[in-house]
């Protein structure tokens, strides 16, 4: 039986209610997200195991081979092992998720965060048992919950936590309403914008044990040219919102004049030179603009990541989407990545991230 979005939203909200009291609302996500992912990994593993078992005529050794599983679950580290634990539950959770991270270090390093699950003053065995039993009521395998629906429920939970802590959900991810707004303000008849822009959203996870750490950034704005890329009537204006307007030549000239300066300042602040950078990821405005910018900066073509062919310019989400599609999802881990964005304002920002 497939779970729908409403069921998943209630499922995750109830988990927050179980934590209410001992755990501050601002910290709910630090506990719920790791358990949600732990349960998902375990259920998908079981699903993969069942398929391999059927294919091999019930050969358990064959079905356990890592080739048949996206993630490895070490012995005694499955969700069910935690569920069977009644004493020192937090210690068991801590052990299981750390072992899973260790066994899948290339993809899951630091993914479960740094919560002290063994802190019984905050997390009693009774509370954790209730939480584990609550999460256990649904199977979260691919056949029951699609990745899209799980992602939407995850998005709902982020907004829910933002509301509880008087924050804006946009501090954590690109809100769906912003994505829909871009669709509404693009005029399909405008050949300057319609062929370039696509819908997209992204979420970026920030943790205490990251795969990459932030370096120095350089950013600024040039307000005199704000009318070169604008949706008139938007923001604090009270008139109706018109379609997005873009003066392509103005934007091109701005990028060619401002971005080399931003790049140079950022490199100097990080005590780096251009050859030190393994991969350059610029805002994915268009292939033409990125190639011209690369030529201006004398960057080898093979070092510039271009991911616009399939998805177009997704505005504020282009850099994280390019980072994910072009590098992280392929298991590539460059040592030094240069990130640089530009656009509405007219504004720009450049920064460096380094692998730990």
Foldseek 3Di string as FASTA:
>chain_A
DADFLVVLLVLLVVLLVLLPDLDDLLCSCLPSVLVLVLLAQLLQLVVLLVVQCVVVVNPNVRSQDCVSHPFHFDPCLHLVSLLPDQQQSLVSPVVNVVVRCVRVVLFCPCVSADDRSSPCSRPPSVSVNVSSVSSVPDRNHCVHYPPVSVVVSVLVVLCVSCVSVVHHSVVFKDDPVVLVVLVVQADCVDPVPNVFEFGDMDGDDDHPGDQKDWDDKDKDFDQVCLVQWDFPCDDPRPDDTHHTHHDVVVVLVCCLPPVLVRVVVQCVRRVHDLVVAQAEEEQQRDPVSQVVSCVSNVHPPVRYQHDAPPGGRNDPCRRVVSCVVVASVVSHDDAKYKYKYADRSRMIMITMMGGD
